[in-house]
Amino acid sequence: MAKTALKGNEVNTIGDLPAIGLSIGDYEFTKQDLGGLKLSDLKGKKVILNIFPSVDTSTCATSVRKFNEQAASLNNTTVVCVSKDLPFAIARFCGAEGIQNVEATSDFRTLEFARENGIEMIDGPLKGLDARSIIVLNEEGKVVHTELVPEIVDEPNYEAALKAL
C-alpha cells in the first residue's frame, strides 16, 4: 500500500506502482467515442500514462492541457490520459479545450487497471478513484518511470516523465 495526500490528509492506495523494468497488463481503456484503446495497440511506441482522479478538477485538467502541448513534439510517443470519468465528460472537456494530441480515456470499465497497478485510492473522500500518478512505458511495454504524486492537488513532474522517454 502506498500513500498520497489530499490537502494534507493521508490517503492510501490499494498497492504500489509497478516496478521499473516490469511489463504491465494489456489493459483496454474506453475512448471518447466509446471504442477501446488497448495498450497492445501502442506496442512499438513509448507511452506516458497520465493518471488522475477527474478531469473536472483544475489540477487534472491542467495535466491534460500540459501533456497535450508537449505531446505534439514527441516522436514515437503516445500520451494516454486515464481517469474514471465517463467518456462523455472527457469528450466534453477535450472538445472545449481543443485537446487533440493525447488519447483521453476512461478506465471505468477496467477496474483491474487501478487495482493491479496500485493506483486505486482505498480511503479518503476520493475513495475508488485513481490517484494522480504517471507510468512511462518504453517501446517494449516495460515500465521505465513511475510517480505517485505525494499531494493529489499538485501537478506531476512532467520533466521527469519526459526525461524517462
Protein backbone atom coordinates (compact mmCIF):
# COMPACT_ATOMS: atom_id res chain seq x y z
CA MET A 1 0.00 0.00 0.00
CA ALA A 2 1.33 3.44 -0.96
CA LYS A 3 0.41 6.79 0.49
CA THR A 4 -0.53 10.09 -1.09
CA ALA A 5 -2.42 13.02 0.44
CA LEU A 6 -5.39 15.24 -0.27
CA LYS A 7 -4.82 18.73 1.13
CA GLY A 8 -2.50 17.31 3.76
CA ASN A 9 -4.74 14.41 4.79
CA GLU A 10 -3.21 10.99 4.22
CA VAL A 11 -4.82 8.81 1.55
CA ASN A 12 -3.86 5.17 0.94
CA THR A 13 -3.78 3.38 -2.37
CA ILE A 14 -4.52 -0.30 -2.87
CA GLY A 15 -0.85 -1.11 -3.54
CA ASP A 16 2.35 0.18 -5.06
CA LEU A 17 3.01 1.39 -8.58
CA PRO A 18 4.61 -1.22 -10.86
CA ALA A 19 8.36 -1.70 -10.52
CA ILE A 20 10.79 -0.34 -13.09
CA GLY A 21 11.59 -2.98 -15.70
CA LEU A 22 8.30 -4.86 -15.39
CA SER A 23 5.58 -5.03 -18.01
CA ILE A 24 2.04 -4.15 -17.06
CA GLY A 25 -1.05 -5.91 -18.37
CA ASP A 26 -2.74 -5.29 -21.70
CA TYR A 27 -5.47 -3.06 -20.31
CA GLU A 28 -8.20 -1.66 -22.51
CA PHE A 29 -9.32 1.90 -21.84
CA THR A 30 -12.52 3.45 -23.14
CA LYS A 31 -12.07 6.28 -25.62
CA GLN A 32 -14.35 9.27 -26.02
CA ASP A 33 -16.28 7.54 -28.83
CA LEU A 34 -16.82 4.51 -26.51
CA GLY A 35 -14.36 2.44 -28.55
CA GLY A 36 -11.44 0.72 -26.90
CA LEU A 37 -7.74 1.52 -26.74
CA LYS A 38 -5.58 -1.42 -25.66
CA LEU A 39 -2.03 -0.93 -24.52
CA SER A 40 -1.04 -3.60 -27.06
CA ASP A 41 -2.33 -1.22 -29.77
CA LEU A 42 0.58 1.04 -28.77
CA LYS A 43 3.31 -1.64 -28.90
CA GLY A 44 6.43 -0.21 -30.52
CA LYS A 45 5.69 3.27 -29.15
CA LYS A 46 6.73 4.94 -25.94
CA VAL A 47 3.71 5.56 -23.71
CA ILE A 48 3.09 8.07 -20.95
CA LEU A 49 0.11 7.14 -18.80
CA ASN A 50 -1.09 10.35 -17.16
CA ILE A 51 -3.45 9.04 -14.47
CA PHE A 52 -5.67 11.24 -12.31
CA PRO A 53 -8.95 11.36 -10.33
CA SER A 54 -11.15 13.51 -12.60
CA VAL A 55 -10.80 15.93 -15.49
CA ASP A 56 -13.37 18.07 -13.66
CA THR A 57 -10.72 19.26 -11.19
CA SER A 58 -8.32 22.07 -12.00
CA THR A 59 -5.06 20.15 -11.47
CA CYS A 60 -6.24 17.19 -13.54
CA ALA A 61 -7.37 19.49 -16.34
CA THR A 62 -4.01 21.29 -16.22
CA SER A 63 -2.11 17.99 -16.56
CA VAL A 64 -4.12 17.06 -19.66
CA ARG A 65 -3.50 20.51 -21.18
CA LYS A 66 0.25 20.41 -20.46
CA PHE A 67 0.73 16.89 -21.81
CA ASN A 68 -1.38 17.85 -24.85
CA GLU A 69 1.04 20.73 -25.56
CA GLN A 70 4.14 18.60 -25.04
CA ALA A 71 2.84 15.54 -26.91
CA ALA A 72 2.76 17.46 -30.19
CA SER A 73 6.57 17.47 -30.29
CA LEU A 74 7.25 13.92 -29.07
CA ASN A 75 8.47 11.31 -31.54
CA ASN A 76 7.05 7.78 -31.46
CA THR A 77 5.26 8.57 -28.20
CA THR A 78 1.62 8.45 -27.17
CA VAL A 79 0.28 10.17 -24.07
CA VAL A 80 -2.76 8.36 -22.66
CA CYS A 81 -4.72 10.31 -20.06
CA VAL A 82 -6.64 7.96 -17.76
CA SER A 83 -9.36 8.63 -15.19
CA LYS A 84 -12.59 7.05 -14.03
CA ASP A 85 -14.52 9.90 -15.70
CA LEU A 86 -17.19 8.81 -18.13
CA PRO A 87 -16.17 9.16 -21.77
CA PHE A 88 -18.91 11.79 -22.24
CA ALA A 89 -17.29 14.11 -19.66
CA ILE A 90 -13.87 13.52 -21.20
CA ALA A 91 -15.21 14.31 -24.69
CA ARG A 92 -16.89 17.48 -23.42
CA PHE A 93 -13.65 18.67 -21.78
CA CYS A 94 -11.43 17.78 -24.75
CA GLY A 95 -13.81 19.46 -27.19
CA ALA A 96 -14.00 22.66 -25.15
CA GLU A 97 -10.22 22.75 -24.64
CA GLY A 98 -9.15 21.71 -28.16
CA ILE A 99 -7.29 18.66 -26.82
CA GLN A 100 -6.06 16.68 -29.84
CA ASN A 101 -2.54 15.42 -29.12
CA VAL A 102 -3.30 12.95 -26.32
CA GLU A 103 -5.59 9.96 -26.01
CA ALA A 104 -8.01 10.96 -23.26
CA THR A 105 -9.58 7.76 -21.92
CA SER A 106 -11.55 6.23 -19.07
CA ASP A 107 -10.79 3.13 -17.03
CA PHE A 108 -14.33 2.91 -15.63
CA ARG A 109 -14.76 -0.48 -17.36
CA THR A 110 -11.28 -1.73 -16.47
CA LEU A 111 -11.28 -1.74 -12.69
CA GLU A 112 -8.34 -4.13 -12.56
CA PHE A 113 -6.05 -1.48 -14.09
CA ALA A 114 -6.14 0.72 -10.97
CA ARG A 115 -6.16 -2.23 -8.60
CA GLU A 116 -3.33 -4.22 -10.20
CA ASN A 117 -1.11 -1.15 -10.60
CA GLY A 118 -1.58 0.26 -7.10
CA ILE A 119 -3.44 3.36 -8.26
CA GLU A 120 -6.91 2.97 -6.72
CA MET A 121 -7.46 5.10 -3.63
CA ILE A 122 -8.94 2.93 -0.87
CA ASP A 123 -9.87 5.65 1.62
CA GLY A 124 -10.46 9.38 1.85
CA PRO A 125 -13.04 11.49 0.03
CA LEU A 126 -11.87 10.26 -3.40
CA LYS A 127 -12.05 6.58 -2.46
CA GLY A 128 -12.43 4.41 -5.55
CA LEU A 129 -10.89 6.94 -7.94
CA ASP A 130 -7.41 6.82 -9.47
CA ALA A 131 -4.59 8.54 -7.57
CA ARG A 132 -2.63 11.15 -9.51
CA SER A 133 0.26 9.21 -10.96
CA ILE A 134 2.45 8.68 -14.00
CA ILE A 135 3.61 5.43 -15.57
CA VAL A 136 6.00 5.63 -18.52
CA LEU A 137 6.48 2.59 -20.76
CA ASN A 138 9.20 2.04 -23.35
CA GLU A 139 8.62 0.61 -26.83
CA GLU A 140 8.59 -2.93 -25.44
CA GLY A 141 5.91 -2.03 -22.89
CA LYS A 142 8.29 -2.12 -19.91
CA VAL A 143 7.99 0.41 -17.10
CA VAL A 144 10.82 2.97 -17.20
CA HIS A 145 9.40 5.60 -14.81
CA THR A 146 6.64 5.93 -12.24
CA GLU A 147 5.44 8.69 -9.97
CA LEU A 148 2.72 8.71 -7.34
CA VAL A 149 2.24 12.43 -6.76
CA PRO A 150 2.62 13.00 -2.99
CA GLU A 151 -0.18 15.58 -2.83
CA ILE A 152 -3.19 14.98 -5.09
CA VAL A 153 -3.77 18.70 -5.67
CA ASP A 154 -0.21 19.09 -7.07
CA GLU A 155 0.79 18.51 -10.68
CA PRO A 156 3.01 15.56 -11.65
CA ASN A 157 6.66 16.04 -12.51
CA TYR A 158 6.32 16.50 -16.27
CA GLU A 159 10.06 16.92 -16.76
CA ALA A 160 10.89 13.59 -15.10
CA ALA A 161 8.27 11.78 -17.18
CA LEU A 162 9.55 13.26 -20.42
CA LYS A 163 13.18 12.65 -19.48
CA ALA A 164 12.38 8.96 -18.93
CA LEU A 165 11.47 8.66 -22.61
